[in-house]
Amino acid sequence: MLGPCAPDYLTPKVKIEELAAMANGWAPDSAVQDQIDATIMDAVFAARSRLPSGEGSTDCEVCGDEIPAKRRTAIPGVRTCVACQSERDKRPTFTGINRRGSKDSQLR
């Protein structure tokens, strides 16, 4: 420990902002939130891309039952009935995006 009489060139003069920057690895303060926002936006775009488009069907492509008119009106381009779509939605979906920073998560 340096005493009160230590020369100026031996006394550390580091600003609080510099210490904060070193503590978070030189990343901006909003880096974690930016990463979360990007992940959410990717999920929204992926979900929107899976929405039906084009001309819909009057009969379900999976079971052949008639799709109710109210469903066809509510979801333009729909091709499955409620029961079949519910079963499809239960299946897990995986995205190829890994934004976690640990090396272990990238090795999987």
PDB file of N, CA and C in Angstrom:
ATOM      1  N   MET A   1       0.855  -1.173   0.000  1.00  0.00           N
ATOM      2  CA  MET A   1       0.000   0.000   0.000  1.00  0.00           C
ATOM      3  C   MET A   1       0.893   1.225   0.000  1.00  0.00           C
ATOM      4  N   LEU A   2       0.536   2.186  -0.822  1.00  0.00           N
ATOM      5  CA  LEU A   2       1.314   3.410  -0.918  1.00  0.00           C
ATOM      6  C   LEU A   2       0.860   4.374   0.166  1.00  0.00           C
ATOM      7  N   GLY A   3       1.810   5.068   0.738  1.00  0.00           N
ATOM      8  CA  GLY A   3       1.493   6.019   1.790  1.00  0.00           C
ATOM      9  C   GLY A   3       1.002   7.337   1.226  1.00  0.00           C
ATOM     10  N   PRO A   4       0.616   8.254   2.097  1.00  0.00           N
ATOM     11  CA  PRO A   4       0.097   9.551   1.663  1.00  0.00           C
ATOM     12  C   PRO A   4       1.159  10.418   1.001  1.00  0.00           C
ATOM     13  N   CYS A   5       2.428  10.088   1.177  1.00  0.00           N
ATOM     14  CA  CYS A   5       3.504  10.899   0.602  1.00  0.00           C
ATOM     15  C   CYS A   5       4.046  10.300  -0.695  1.00  0.00           C
ATOM     16  N   ALA A   6       3.380   9.331  -1.272  1.00  0.00           N
ATOM     17  CA  ALA A   6       3.837   8.692  -2.507  1.00  0.00           C
ATOM     18  C   ALA A   6       3.795   9.700  -3.644  1.00  0.00           C
ATOM     19  N   PRO A   7       4.769   9.624  -4.569  1.00  0.00           N
ATOM     20  CA  PRO A   7       4.772  10.556  -5.707  1.00  0.00           C
ATOM     21  C   PRO A   7       3.534  10.334  -6.585  1.00  0.00           C
ATOM     22  N   ASP A   8       3.129  11.375  -7.323  1.00  0.00           N
ATOM     23  CA  ASP A   8       1.927  11.325  -8.164  1.00  0.00           C
ATOM     24  C   ASP A   8       1.965  10.193  -9.193  1.00  0.00           C
ATOM     25  N   TYR A   9       3.142   9.939  -9.759  1.00  0.00           N
ATOM     26  CA  TYR A   9       3.201   8.924 -10.816  1.00  0.00           C
ATOM     27  C   TYR A   9       2.993   7.511 -10.277  1.00  0.00           C
ATOM     28  N   LEU A  10       2.996   7.309  -8.972  1.00  0.00           N
ATOM     29  CA  LEU A  10       2.734   6.005  -8.385  1.00  0.00           C
ATOM     30  C   LEU A  10       1.291   5.866  -7.885  1.00  0.00           C
ATOM     31  N   THR A  11       0.588   6.964  -7.828  1.00  0.00           N
ATOM     32  CA  THR A  11      -0.783   6.942  -7.325  1.00  0.00           C
ATOM     33  C   THR A  11      -1.739   6.646  -8.493  1.00  0.00           C
ATOM     34  N   PRO A  12      -2.525   5.590  -8.385  1.00  0.00           N
ATOM     35  CA  PRO A  12      -3.445   5.288  -9.483  1.00  0.00           C
ATOM     36  C   PRO A  12      -4.542   6.336  -9.583  1.00  0.00           C
ATOM     37  N   LYS A  13      -4.754   6.817 -10.790  1.00  0.00           N
ATOM     38  CA  LYS A  13      -5.798   7.814 -11.032  1.00  0.00           C
ATOM     39  C   LYS A  13      -6.732   7.257 -12.116  1.00  0.00           C
ATOM     40  N   VAL A  14      -7.568   6.317 -11.724  1.00  0.00           N
ATOM     41  CA  VAL A  14      -8.490   5.681 -12.654  1.00  0.00           C
ATOM     42  C   VAL A  14      -9.884   6.221 -12.379  1.00  0.00           C
ATOM     43  N   LYS A  15     -10.554   6.613 -13.429  1.00  0.00           N
ATOM     44  CA  LYS A  15     -11.898   7.150 -13.283  1.00  0.00           C
ATOM     45  C   LYS A  15     -12.880   6.006 -13.011  1.00  0.00           C
ATOM     46  N   ILE A  16     -13.959   6.338 -12.336  1.00  0.00           N
ATOM     47  CA  ILE A  16     -15.005   5.359 -12.030  1.00  0.00           C
ATOM     48  C   ILE A  16     -15.560   4.747 -13.325  1.00  0.00           C
ATOM     49  N   GLU A  17     -15.730   5.570 -14.365  1.00  0.00           N
ATOM     50  CA  GLU A  17     -16.273   5.067 -15.634  1.00  0.00           C
ATOM     51  C   GLU A  17     -15.346   4.005 -16.235  1.00  0.00           C
ATOM     52  N   GLU A  18     -14.042   4.213 -16.105  1.00  0.00           N
ATOM     53  CA  GLU A  18     -13.089   3.241 -16.645  1.00  0.00           C
ATOM     54  C   GLU A  18     -13.178   1.925 -15.880  1.00  0.00           C
ATOM     55  N   LEU A  19     -13.339   2.015 -14.550  1.00  0.00           N
ATOM     56  CA  LEU A  19     -13.484   0.800 -13.755  1.00  0.00           C
ATOM     57  C   LEU A  19     -14.762   0.054 -14.126  1.00  0.00           C
ATOM     58  N   ALA A  20     -15.830   0.791 -14.345  1.00  0.00           N
ATOM     59  CA  ALA A  20     -17.093   0.163 -14.720  1.00  0.00           C
ATOM     60  C   ALA A  20     -16.968  -0.514 -16.081  1.00  0.00           C
ATOM     61  N   ALA A  21     -16.269   0.132 -16.999  1.00  0.00           N
ATOM     62  CA  ALA A  21     -16.080  -0.461 -18.319  1.00  0.00           C
ATOM     63  C   ALA A  21     -15.250  -1.737 -18.228  1.00  0.00           C
ATOM     64  N   MET A  22     -14.245  -1.737 -17.369  1.00  0.00           N
ATOM     65  CA  MET A  22     -13.417  -2.931 -17.209  1.00  0.00           C
ATOM     66  C   MET A  22     -14.218  -4.047 -16.545  1.00  0.00           C
ATOM     67  N   ALA A  23     -15.105  -3.694 -15.631  1.00  0.00           N
ATOM     68  CA  ALA A  23     -15.866  -4.698 -14.896  1.00  0.00           C
ATOM     69  C   ALA A  23     -16.838  -5.448 -15.801  1.00  0.00           C
ATOM     70  N   ASN A  24     -17.402  -4.790 -16.807  1.00  0.00           N
ATOM     71  CA  ASN A  24     -18.362  -5.484 -17.659  1.00  0.00           C
ATOM     72  C   ASN A  24     -17.746  -5.949 -18.970  1.00  0.00           C
ATOM     73  N   GLY A  25     -16.449  -5.987 -19.072  1.00  0.00           N
ATOM     74  CA  GLY A  25     -15.797  -6.520 -20.255  1.00  0.00           C
ATOM     75  C   GLY A  25     -15.864  -5.599 -21.457  1.00  0.00           C
ATOM     76  N   TRP A  26     -15.916  -4.318 -21.244  1.00  0.00           N
ATOM     77  CA  TRP A  26     -15.921  -3.308 -22.300  1.00  0.00           C
ATOM     78  C   TRP A  26     -17.202  -3.330 -23.131  1.00  0.00           C
ATOM     79  N   ALA A  27     -18.206  -4.020 -22.682  1.00  0.00           N
ATOM     80  CA  ALA A  27     -19.483  -4.026 -23.392  1.00  0.00           C
ATOM     81  C   ALA A  27     -20.320  -2.850 -22.906  1.00  0.00           C
ATOM     82  N   PRO A  28     -21.165  -2.315 -23.763  1.00  0.00           N
ATOM     83  CA  PRO A  28     -22.028  -1.217 -23.301  1.00  0.00           C
ATOM     84  C   PRO A  28     -23.003  -1.717 -22.238  1.00  0.00           C
ATOM     85  N   ASP A  29     -23.502  -0.798 -21.449  1.00  0.00           N
ATOM     86  CA  ASP A  29     -24.413  -1.154 -20.359  1.00  0.00           C
ATOM     87  C   ASP A  29     -25.663  -1.870 -20.847  1.00  0.00           C
ATOM     88  N   SER A  30     -26.081  -1.584 -22.046  1.00  0.00           N
ATOM     89  CA  SER A  30     -27.324  -2.161 -22.551  1.00  0.00           C
ATOM     90  C   SER A  30     -27.108  -3.456 -23.338  1.00  0.00           C
ATOM     91  N   ALA A  31     -25.922  -4.026 -23.307  1.00  0.00           N
ATOM     92  CA  ALA A  31     -25.618  -5.199 -24.137  1.00  0.00           C
ATOM     93  C   ALA A  31     -26.519  -6.391 -23.825  1.00  0.00           C
ATOM     94  N   VAL A  32     -26.765  -6.654 -22.564  1.00  0.00           N
ATOM     95  CA  VAL A  32     -27.603  -7.797 -22.201  1.00  0.00           C
ATOM     96  C   VAL A  32     -29.035  -7.575 -22.671  1.00  0.00           C
ATOM     97  N   GLN A  33     -29.556  -6.376 -22.456  1.00  0.00           N
ATOM     98  CA  GLN A  33     -30.918  -6.080 -22.905  1.00  0.00           C
ATOM     99  C   GLN A  33     -31.013  -6.130 -24.425  1.00  0.00           C
ATOM    100  N   ASP A  34     -29.985  -5.641 -25.111  1.00  0.00           N
ATOM    101  CA  ASP A  34     -29.970  -5.702 -26.579  1.00  0.00           C
ATOM    102  C   ASP A  34     -30.023  -7.148 -27.061  1.00  0.00           C
ATOM    103  N   GLN A  35     -29.313  -8.017 -26.372  1.00  0.00           N
ATOM    104  CA  GLN A  35     -29.300  -9.430 -26.730  1.00  0.00           C
ATOM    105  C   GLN A  35     -30.683 -10.063 -26.505  1.00  0.00           C
ATOM    106  N   ILE A  36     -31.317  -9.717 -25.401  1.00  0.00           N
ATOM    107  CA  ILE A  36     -32.663 -10.220 -25.111  1.00  0.00           C
ATOM    108  C   ILE A  36     -33.639  -9.717 -26.168  1.00  0.00           C
ATOM    109  N   ASP A  37     -33.565  -8.430 -26.493  1.00  0.00           N
ATOM    110  CA  ASP A  37     -34.465  -7.855 -27.503  1.00  0.00           C
ATOM    111  C   ASP A  37     -34.279  -8.532 -28.854  1.00  0.00           C
ATOM    112  N   ALA A  38     -33.027  -8.790 -29.242  1.00  0.00           N
ATOM    113  CA  ALA A  38     -32.758  -9.445 -30.527  1.00  0.00           C
ATOM    114  C   ALA A  38     -33.324 -10.864 -30.551  1.00  0.00           C
ATOM    115  N   THR A  39     -33.211 -11.574 -29.437  1.00  0.00           N
ATOM    116  CA  THR A  39     -33.745 -12.929 -29.360  1.00  0.00           C
ATOM    117  C   THR A  39     -35.267 -12.918 -29.492  1.00  0.00           C
ATOM    118  N   ILE A  40     -35.909 -11.975 -28.828  1.00  0.00           N
ATOM    119  CA  ILE A  40     -37.367 -11.871 -28.908  1.00  0.00           C
ATOM    120  C   ILE A  40     -37.799 -11.505 -30.326  1.00  0.00           C
ATOM    121  N   MET A  41     -37.112 -10.568 -30.949  1.00  0.00           N
ATOM    122  CA  MET A  41     -37.474 -10.180 -32.314  1.00  0.00           C
ATOM    123  C   MET A  41     -37.297 -11.349 -33.282  1.00  0.00           C
ATOM    124  N   ASP A  42     -36.235 -12.133 -33.115  1.00  0.00           N
ATOM    125  CA  ASP A  42     -36.045 -13.322 -33.959  1.00  0.00           C
ATOM    126  C   ASP A  42     -37.197 -14.303 -33.783  1.00  0.00           C
ATOM    127  N   ALA A  43     -37.640 -14.486 -32.546  1.00  0.00           N
ATOM    128  CA  ALA A  43     -38.753 -15.398 -32.286  1.00  0.00           C
ATOM    129  C   ALA A  43     -40.051 -14.877 -32.901  1.00  0.00           C
ATOM    130  N   VAL A  44     -40.272 -13.573 -32.837  1.00  0.00           N
ATOM    131  CA  VAL A  44     -41.480 -12.972 -33.432  1.00  0.00           C
ATOM    132  C   VAL A  44     -41.452 -13.155 -34.949  1.00  0.00           C
ATOM    133  N   PHE A  45     -40.308 -12.878 -35.581  1.00  0.00           N
ATOM    134  CA  PHE A  45     -40.205 -13.041 -37.030  1.00  0.00           C
ATOM    135  C   PHE A  45     -40.390 -14.502 -37.429  1.00  0.00           C
ATOM    136  N   ALA A  46     -39.846 -15.427 -36.644  1.00  0.00           N
ATOM    137  CA  ALA A  46     -40.007 -16.848 -36.940  1.00  0.00           C
ATOM    138  C   ALA A  46     -41.470 -17.260 -36.820  1.00  0.00           C
ATOM    139  N   ALA A  47     -42.148 -16.769 -35.787  1.00  0.00           N
ATOM    140  CA  ALA A  47     -43.562 -17.100 -35.603  1.00  0.00           C
ATOM    141  C   ALA A  47     -44.406 -16.525 -36.747  1.00  0.00           C
ATOM    142  N   ARG A  48     -44.102 -15.295 -37.139  1.00  0.00           N
ATOM    143  CA  ARG A  48     -44.854 -14.685 -38.243  1.00  0.00           C
ATOM    144  C   ARG A  48     -44.617 -15.434 -39.556  1.00  0.00           C
ATOM    145  N   SER A  49     -43.421 -15.949 -39.741  1.00  0.00           N
ATOM    146  CA  SER A  49     -43.135 -16.669 -40.981  1.00  0.00           C
ATOM    147  C   SER A  49     -43.891 -17.998 -41.041  1.00  0.00           C
ATOM    148  N   ARG A  50     -44.277 -18.524 -39.895  1.00  0.00           N
ATOM    149  CA  ARG A  50     -45.019 -19.783 -39.866  1.00  0.00           C
ATOM    150  C   ARG A  50     -46.528 -19.587 -39.994  1.00  0.00           C
ATOM    151  N   LEU A  51     -46.986 -18.339 -39.935  1.00  0.00           N
ATOM    152  CA  LEU A  51     -48.413 -18.084 -40.097  1.00  0.00           C
ATOM    153  C   LEU A  51     -48.841 -18.459 -41.509  1.00  0.00           C
ATOM    154  N   PRO A  52     -50.053 -18.972 -41.647  1.00  0.00           N
ATOM    155  CA  PRO A  52     -50.515 -19.348 -42.982  1.00  0.00           C
ATOM    156  C   PRO A  52     -50.643 -18.123 -43.879  1.00  0.00           C
ATOM    157  N   SER A  53     -50.404 -18.331 -45.145  1.00  0.00           N
ATOM    158  CA  SER A  53     -50.564 -17.250 -46.114  1.00  0.00           C
ATOM    159  C   SER A  53     -51.132 -17.847 -47.395  1.00  0.00           C
ATOM    160  N   GLY A  54     -51.614 -16.994 -48.249  1.00  0.00           N
ATOM    161  CA  GLY A  54     -52.189 -17.472 -49.491  1.00  0.00           C
ATOM    162  C   GLY A  54     -53.628 -17.893 -49.300  1.00  0.00           C
ATOM    163  N   GLU A  55     -54.092 -18.674 -50.248  1.00  0.00           N
ATOM    164  CA  GLU A  55     -55.478 -19.119 -50.202  1.00  0.00           C
ATOM    165  C   GLU A  55     -55.631 -20.248 -49.195  1.00  0.00           C
ATOM    166  N   GLY A  56     -56.632 -20.148 -48.355  1.00  0.00           N
ATOM    167  CA  GLY A  56     -56.883 -21.163 -47.344  1.00  0.00           C
ATOM    168  C   GLY A  56     -57.643 -22.350 -47.916  1.00  0.00           C
ATOM    169  N   SER A  57     -58.013 -23.231 -47.044  1.00  0.00           N
ATOM    170  CA  SER A  57     -58.730 -24.442 -47.430  1.00  0.00           C
ATOM    171  C   SER A  57     -60.035 -24.520 -46.651  1.00  0.00           C
ATOM    172  N   THR A  58     -61.038 -25.129 -47.238  1.00  0.00           N
ATOM    173  CA  THR A  58     -62.301 -25.308 -46.526  1.00  0.00           C
ATOM    174  C   THR A  58     -62.271 -26.576 -45.686  1.00  0.00           C
ATOM    175  N   ASP A  59     -61.378 -27.503 -46.047  1.00  0.00           N
ATOM    176  CA  ASP A  59     -61.236 -28.754 -45.304  1.00  0.00           C
ATOM    177  C   ASP A  59     -59.821 -28.858 -44.733  1.00  0.00           C
ATOM    178  N   CYS A  60     -59.704 -29.461 -43.563  1.00  0.00           N
ATOM    179  CA  CYS A  60     -58.423 -29.635 -42.884  1.00  0.00           C
ATOM    180  C   CYS A  60     -57.516 -30.556 -43.714  1.00  0.00           C
ATOM    181  N   GLU A  61     -56.273 -30.139 -43.884  1.00  0.00           N
ATOM    182  CA  GLU A  61     -55.313 -30.942 -44.644  1.00  0.00           C
ATOM    183  C   GLU A  61     -54.883 -32.200 -43.899  1.00  0.00           C
ATOM    184  N   VAL A  62     -55.071 -32.234 -42.577  1.00  0.00           N
ATOM    185  CA  VAL A  62     -54.623 -33.372 -41.780  1.00  0.00           C
ATOM    186  C   VAL A  62     -55.727 -34.414 -41.643  1.00  0.00           C
ATOM    187  N   CYS A  63     -56.896 -33.996 -41.151  1.00  0.00           N
ATOM    188  CA  CYS A  63     -57.958 -34.969 -40.870  1.00  0.00           C
ATOM    189  C   CYS A  63     -59.097 -34.957 -41.888  1.00  0.00           C
ATOM    190  N   GLY A  64     -59.198 -33.912 -42.698  1.00  0.00           N
ATOM    191  CA  GLY A  64     -60.240 -33.838 -43.711  1.00  0.00           C
ATOM    192  C   GLY A  64     -61.542 -33.229 -43.242  1.00  0.00           C
ATOM    193  N   ASP A  65     -61.660 -32.900 -41.948  1.00  0.00           N
ATOM    194  CA  ASP A  65     -62.888 -32.268 -41.441  1.00  0.00           C
ATOM    195  C   ASP A  65     -63.007 -30.845 -41.995  1.00  0.00           C
ATOM    196  N   GLU A  66     -64.239 -30.344 -42.006  1.00  0.00           N
ATOM    197  CA  GLU A  66     -64.468 -28.987 -42.494  1.00  0.00           C
ATOM    198  C   GLU A  66     -63.938 -27.977 -41.477  1.00  0.00           C
ATOM    199  N   ILE A  67     -63.287 -26.942 -41.974  1.00  0.00           N
ATOM    200  CA  ILE A  67     -62.791 -25.857 -41.118  1.00  0.00           C
ATOM    201  C   ILE A  67     -63.923 -24.847 -40.986  1.00  0.00           C
ATOM    202  N   PRO A  68     -64.330 -24.499 -39.758  1.00  0.00           N
ATOM    203  CA  PRO A  68     -65.443 -23.555 -39.569  1.00  0.00           C
ATOM    204  C   PRO A  68     -65.183 -22.220 -40.262  1.00  0.00           C
ATOM    205  N   ALA A  69     -66.245 -21.618 -40.761  1.00  0.00           N
ATOM    206  CA  ALA A  69     -66.144 -20.347 -41.490  1.00  0.00           C
ATOM    207  C   ALA A  69     -65.539 -19.247 -40.614  1.00  0.00           C
ATOM    208  N   LYS A  70     -65.883 -19.242 -39.326  1.00  0.00           N
ATOM    209  CA  LYS A  70     -65.333 -18.212 -38.430  1.00  0.00           C
ATOM    210  C   LYS A  70     -63.808 -18.340 -38.320  1.00  0.00           C
ATOM    211  N   ARG A  71     -63.308 -19.570 -38.299  1.00  0.00           N
ATOM    212  CA  ARG A  71     -61.850 -19.777 -38.236  1.00  0.00           C
ATOM    213  C   ARG A  71     -61.204 -19.319 -39.542  1.00  0.00           C
ATOM    214  N   ARG A  72     -61.813 -19.625 -40.658  1.00  0.00           N
ATOM    215  CA  ARG A  72     -61.265 -19.211 -41.954  1.00  0.00           C
ATOM    216  C   ARG A  72     -61.249 -17.690 -42.082  1.00  0.00           C
ATOM    217  N   THR A  73     -62.264 -17.034 -41.488  1.00  0.00           N
ATOM    218  CA  THR A  73     -62.321 -15.569 -41.520  1.00  0.00           C
ATOM    219  C   THR A  73     -61.269 -14.973 -40.586  1.00  0.00           C
ATOM    220  N   ALA A  74     -61.107 -15.569 -39.411  1.00  0.00           N
ATOM    221  CA  ALA A  74     -60.165 -15.037 -38.410  1.00  0.00           C
ATOM    222  C   ALA A  74     -58.714 -15.232 -38.828  1.00  0.00           C
ATOM    223  N   ILE A  75     -58.418 -16.340 -39.508  1.00  0.00           N
ATOM    224  CA  ILE A  75     -57.042 -16.641 -39.903  1.00  0.00           C
ATOM    225  C   ILE A  75     -57.007 -16.896 -41.405  1.00  0.00           C
ATOM    226  N   PRO A  76     -56.804 -15.853 -42.198  1.00  0.00           N
ATOM    227  CA  PRO A  76     -56.749 -16.049 -43.645  1.00  0.00           C
ATOM    228  C   PRO A  76     -55.614 -17.021 -44.011  1.00  0.00           C
ATOM    229  N   GLY A  77     -55.917 -17.941 -44.896  1.00  0.00           N
ATOM    230  CA  GLY A  77     -54.902 -18.899 -45.323  1.00  0.00           C
ATOM    231  C   GLY A  77     -54.829 -20.142 -44.467  1.00  0.00           C
ATOM    232  N   VAL A  78     -55.732 -20.299 -43.511  1.00  0.00           N
ATOM    233  CA  VAL A  78     -55.693 -21.445 -42.608  1.00  0.00           C
ATOM    234  C   VAL A  78     -55.922 -22.745 -43.383  1.00  0.00           C
ATOM    235  N   ARG A  79     -55.194 -23.801 -42.970  1.00  0.00           N
ATOM    236  CA  ARG A  79     -55.290 -25.076 -43.679  1.00  0.00           C
ATOM    237  C   ARG A  79     -55.566 -26.253 -42.743  1.00  0.00           C
ATOM    238  N   THR A  80     -55.673 -25.969 -41.436  1.00  0.00           N
ATOM    239  CA  THR A  80     -55.930 -27.037 -40.466  1.00  0.00           C
ATOM    240  C   THR A  80     -57.056 -26.635 -39.530  1.00  0.00           C
ATOM    241  N   CYS A  81     -57.770 -27.638 -39.019  1.00  0.00           N
ATOM    242  CA  CYS A  81     -58.829 -27.365 -38.042  1.00  0.00           C
ATOM    243  C   CYS A  81     -58.195 -27.083 -36.680  1.00  0.00           C
ATOM    244  N   VAL A  82     -58.987 -26.663 -35.738  1.00  0.00           N
ATOM    245  CA  VAL A  82     -58.498 -26.302 -34.406  1.00  0.00           C
ATOM    246  C   VAL A  82     -57.831 -27.496 -33.724  1.00  0.00           C
ATOM    247  N   ALA A  83     -58.460 -28.669 -33.803  1.00  0.00           N
ATOM    248  CA  ALA A  83     -57.913 -29.852 -33.121  1.00  0.00           C
ATOM    249  C   ALA A  83     -56.547 -30.232 -33.687  1.00  0.00           C
ATOM    250  N   CYS A  84     -56.429 -30.258 -35.003  1.00  0.00           N
ATOM    251  CA  CYS A  84     -55.145 -30.640 -35.619  1.00  0.00           C
ATOM    252  C   CYS A  84     -54.071 -29.584 -35.365  1.00  0.00           C
ATOM    253  N   GLN A  85     -54.465 -28.314 -35.402  1.00  0.00           N
ATOM    254  CA  GLN A  85     -53.488 -27.253 -35.132  1.00  0.00           C
ATOM    255  C   GLN A  85     -53.030 -27.302 -33.681  1.00  0.00           C
ATOM    256  N   SER A  86     -53.927 -27.635 -32.765  1.00  0.00           N
ATOM    257  CA  SER A  86     -53.557 -27.757 -31.347  1.00  0.00           C
ATOM    258  C   SER A  86     -52.528 -28.863 -31.163  1.00  0.00           C
ATOM    259  N   GLU A  87     -52.722 -29.973 -31.832  1.00  0.00           N
ATOM    260  CA  GLU A  87     -51.743 -31.073 -31.757  1.00  0.00           C
ATOM    261  C   GLU A  87     -50.403 -30.651 -32.345  1.00  0.00           C
ATOM    262  N   ARG A  88     -50.447 -29.930 -33.445  1.00  0.00           N
ATOM    263  CA  ARG A  88     -49.216 -29.458 -34.080  1.00  0.00           C
ATOM    264  C   ARG A  88     -48.476 -28.486 -33.165  1.00  0.00           C
ATOM    265  N   ASP A  89     -49.218 -27.634 -32.471  1.00  0.00           N
ATOM    266  CA  ASP A  89     -48.598 -26.640 -31.587  1.00  0.00           C
ATOM    267  C   ASP A  89     -47.944 -27.267 -30.363  1.00  0.00           C
ATOM    268  N   LYS A  90     -48.350 -28.474 -29.997  1.00  0.00           N
ATOM    269  CA  LYS A  90     -47.758 -29.143 -28.833  1.00  0.00           C
ATOM    270  C   LYS A  90     -46.344 -29.646 -29.110  1.00  0.00           C
ATOM    271  N   ARG A  91     -46.027 -29.861 -30.369  1.00  0.00           N
ATOM    272  CA  ARG A  91     -44.694 -30.350 -30.724  1.00  0.00           C
ATOM    273  C   ARG A  91     -43.664 -29.262 -30.464  1.00  0.00           C
ATOM    274  N   PRO A  92     -42.521 -29.644 -29.886  1.00  0.00           N
ATOM    275  CA  PRO A  92     -41.495 -28.633 -29.616  1.00  0.00           C
ATOM    276  C   PRO A  92     -40.839 -28.162 -30.914  1.00  0.00           C
ATOM    277  N   THR A  93     -40.480 -26.899 -30.923  1.00  0.00           N
ATOM    278  CA  THR A  93     -39.746 -26.350 -32.063  1.00  0.00           C
ATOM    279  C   THR A  93     -38.411 -25.847 -31.555  1.00  0.00           C
ATOM    280  N   PHE A  94     -37.403 -26.019 -32.359  1.00  0.00           N
ATOM    281  CA  PHE A  94     -36.056 -25.604 -31.974  1.00  0.00           C
ATOM    282  C   PHE A  94     -35.541 -24.609 -33.000  1.00  0.00           C
ATOM    283  N   THR A  95     -34.882 -23.587 -32.486  1.00  0.00           N
ATOM    284  CA  THR A  95     -34.263 -22.621 -33.382  1.00  0.00           C
ATOM    285  C   THR A  95     -32.766 -22.845 -33.353  1.00  0.00           C
ATOM    286  N   GLY A  96     -32.105 -22.495 -34.396  1.00  0.00           N
ATOM    287  CA  GLY A  96     -30.667 -22.691 -34.487  1.00  0.00           C
ATOM    288  C   GLY A  96     -29.867 -21.527 -33.934  1.00  0.00           C
ATOM    289  N   ILE A  97     -30.525 -20.592 -33.261  1.00  0.00           N
ATOM    290  CA  ILE A  97     -29.837 -19.403 -32.772  1.00  0.00           C
ATOM    291  C   ILE A  97     -29.438 -19.617 -31.321  1.00  0.00           C
ATOM    292  N   ASN A  98     -28.160 -19.452 -31.034  1.00  0.00           N
ATOM    293  CA  ASN A  98     -27.658 -19.584 -29.676  1.00  0.00           C
ATOM    294  C   ASN A  98     -26.916 -18.300 -29.333  1.00  0.00           C
ATOM    295  N   ARG A  99     -27.533 -17.492 -28.510  1.00  0.00           N
ATOM    296  CA  ARG A  99     -26.890 -16.230 -28.143  1.00  0.00           C
ATOM    297  C   ARG A  99     -26.284 -16.279 -26.751  1.00  0.00           C
ATOM    298  N   ARG A 100     -26.318 -17.430 -26.101  1.00  0.00           N
ATOM    299  CA  ARG A 100     -25.720 -17.510 -24.779  1.00  0.00           C
ATOM    300  C   ARG A 100     -24.211 -17.454 -24.917  1.00  0.00           C
ATOM    301  N   GLY A 101     -23.567 -16.821 -23.970  1.00  0.00           N
ATOM    302  CA  GLY A 101     -22.144 -16.563 -24.094  1.00  0.00           C
ATOM    303  C   GLY A 101     -21.221 -17.672 -23.630  1.00  0.00           C
ATOM    304  N   SER A 102     -21.714 -18.657 -22.919  1.00  0.00           N
ATOM    305  CA  SER A 102     -20.798 -19.659 -22.392  1.00  0.00           C
ATOM    306  C   SER A 102     -20.341 -20.608 -23.478  1.00  0.00           C
ATOM    307  N   LYS A 103     -19.118 -21.067 -23.355  1.00  0.00           N
ATOM    308  CA  LYS A 103     -18.562 -21.982 -24.349  1.00  0.00           C
ATOM    309  C   LYS A 103     -19.294 -23.322 -24.294  1.00  0.00           C
ATOM    310  N   ASP A 104     -19.738 -23.740 -23.101  1.00  0.00           N
ATOM    311  CA  ASP A 104     -20.438 -25.006 -22.976  1.00  0.00           C
ATOM    312  C   ASP A 104     -21.704 -25.018 -23.830  1.00  0.00           C
ATOM    313  N   SER A 105     -22.432 -23.906 -23.854  1.00  0.00           N
ATOM    314  CA  SER A 105     -23.679 -23.887 -24.605  1.00  0.00           C
ATOM    315  C   SER A 105     -23.419 -23.933 -26.103  1.00  0.00           C
ATOM    316  N   GLN A 106     -22.253 -23.492 -26.535  1.00  0.00           N
ATOM    317  CA  GLN A 106     -21.933 -23.484 -27.962  1.00  0.00           C
ATOM    318  C   GLN A 106     -21.389 -24.834 -28.421  1.00  0.00           C
ATOM    319  N   LEU A 107     -20.979 -25.668 -27.479  1.00  0.00           N
ATOM    320  CA  LEU A 107     -20.451 -26.990 -27.830  1.00  0.00           C
ATOM    321  C   LEU A 107     -21.551 -28.009 -28.004  1.00  0.00           C
ATOM    322  N   ARG A 108     -22.755 -27.702 -27.554  1.00  0.00           N
ATOM    323  CA  ARG A 108     -23.862 -28.650 -27.632  1.00  0.00           C
ATOM    324  C   ARG A 108     -24.382 -28.791 -29.034  1.00  0.00           C
TER     325      ARG A 108
END
